Amino acid sequence: MSARLVAASAFVTALVVVTVWLTDLSFGRAALLAPVLVIGLAAVAGLVVFWARVGWDSLRRSSHPRLLVAAALAFVLLLVGLTLLGVQLPRE
């Protein structure tokens, strides 16, 4: 057995175990859904890589990159702070 096959098998097994732990699926059902889980995780990872590259390129071309990073960090800290305080925004 090759090392790549062992690594892929270990990754899929870990993904199934984490899915069972996070949801109320049975192990058998999660194992049957393993191809869907792998494709879904690959799609999410691809989107994260794509948007990270877009953000990095935009940041590199910006005239004030430190200001953008500070504003983004302040926004994230504001959201985390409001969440920890239990503030709920009104819904229409």
Protein backbone atom coordinates (compact mmCIF):
# COMPACT_ATOMS: atom_id res chain seq x y z
CA MET A 1 0.00 0.00 0.00
CA SER A 2 1.38 3.40 -0.92
CA ALA A 3 1.81 6.23 1.55
CA ARG A 4 -0.61 8.42 -0.40
CA LEU A 5 -3.36 5.81 -0.15
CA VAL A 6 -2.80 5.44 3.59
CA ALA A 7 -2.88 9.22 4.05
CA ALA A 8 -6.07 9.58 1.99
CA SER A 9 -7.75 6.76 3.90
CA ALA A 10 -6.77 8.30 7.23
CA PHE A 11 -8.07 11.71 6.11
CA VAL A 12 -11.45 10.33 4.99
CA THR A 13 -11.78 8.29 8.19
CA ALA A 14 -11.00 11.37 10.29
CA LEU A 15 -13.53 13.39 8.28
CA VAL A 16 -16.22 10.78 8.90
CA VAL A 17 -15.42 10.62 12.62
CA VAL A 18 -15.50 14.42 12.94
CA THR A 19 -18.82 14.51 11.08
CA VAL A 20 -20.31 11.90 13.43
CA TRP A 21 -19.00 13.87 16.41
CA LEU A 22 -20.42 17.22 15.17
CA THR A 23 -23.79 15.92 13.97
CA ASP A 24 -26.20 13.27 15.12
CA LEU A 25 -25.55 11.01 12.12
CA SER A 26 -24.76 7.38 12.71
CA PHE A 27 -21.32 6.14 11.74
CA GLY A 28 -22.74 3.98 8.94
CA ARG A 29 -24.69 6.87 7.40
CA ALA A 30 -21.67 9.17 7.62
CA ALA A 31 -19.51 6.51 5.97
CA LEU A 32 -22.04 6.25 3.13
CA LEU A 33 -21.92 10.03 2.77
CA ALA A 34 -18.09 10.10 2.74
CA PRO A 35 -17.83 11.02 -0.99
CA VAL A 36 -20.24 13.92 -0.46
CA LEU A 37 -18.29 15.04 2.61
CA VAL A 38 -14.99 14.97 0.73
CA ILE A 39 -16.40 16.90 -2.24
CA GLY A 40 -18.07 19.44 0.07
CA LEU A 41 -14.88 19.97 2.06
CA ALA A 42 -12.89 20.36 -1.17
CA ALA A 43 -15.39 22.95 -2.43
CA VAL A 44 -15.18 24.93 0.82
CA ALA A 45 -11.37 24.76 0.79
CA GLY A 46 -11.32 25.94 -2.82
CA LEU A 47 -13.53 28.92 -2.00
CA VAL A 48 -11.36 29.84 0.98
CA VAL A 49 -8.21 29.69 -1.17
CA PHE A 50 -9.85 31.69 -3.96
CA TRP A 51 -11.13 34.48 -1.68
CA ALA A 52 -7.85 34.57 0.24
CA ARG A 53 -5.96 35.11 -3.02
CA VAL A 54 -8.44 37.81 -4.09
CA GLY A 55 -8.09 39.55 -0.73
CA TRP A 56 -4.31 39.30 -0.77
CA ASP A 57 -4.14 40.72 -4.30
CA SER A 58 -6.49 43.57 -3.37
CA LEU A 59 -4.44 44.29 -0.27
CA ARG A 60 -1.20 44.31 -2.26
CA ARG A 61 -2.60 46.77 -4.82
CA SER A 62 -4.07 49.07 -2.19
CA SER A 63 -2.50 52.44 -1.52
CA HIS A 64 -3.10 52.10 2.27
CA PRO A 65 -2.82 48.40 3.16
CA ARG A 66 -2.28 48.98 6.88
CA LEU A 67 -5.48 51.01 7.09
CA LEU A 68 -7.44 48.22 5.40
CA VAL A 69 -6.00 45.58 7.72
CA ALA A 70 -6.75 47.74 10.77
CA ALA A 71 -10.33 48.36 9.60
CA ALA A 72 -10.93 44.66 8.91
CA LEU A 73 -9.48 43.70 12.30
CA ALA A 74 -11.60 46.35 14.05
CA PHE A 75 -14.72 45.02 12.30
CA VAL A 76 -13.99 41.42 13.33
CA LEU A 77 -13.27 42.49 16.92
CA LEU A 78 -16.51 44.48 16.99
CA LEU A 79 -18.49 41.44 15.83
CA VAL A 80 -16.78 39.18 18.37
CA GLY A 81 -17.34 41.69 21.15
CA LEU A 82 -21.02 42.14 20.32
CA THR A 83 -21.45 38.38 20.13
CA LEU A 84 -19.82 37.86 23.53
CA LEU A 85 -22.02 40.55 25.02
CA GLY A 86 -25.11 38.81 23.64
CA VAL A 87 -26.27 41.67 21.46
CA GLN A 88 -28.76 40.51 18.83
CA LEU A 89 -29.46 42.65 15.81
CA PRO A 90 -33.12 43.33 15.01
CA ARG A 91 -34.68 41.17 12.32
CA GLU A 92 -37.32 42.38 9.96
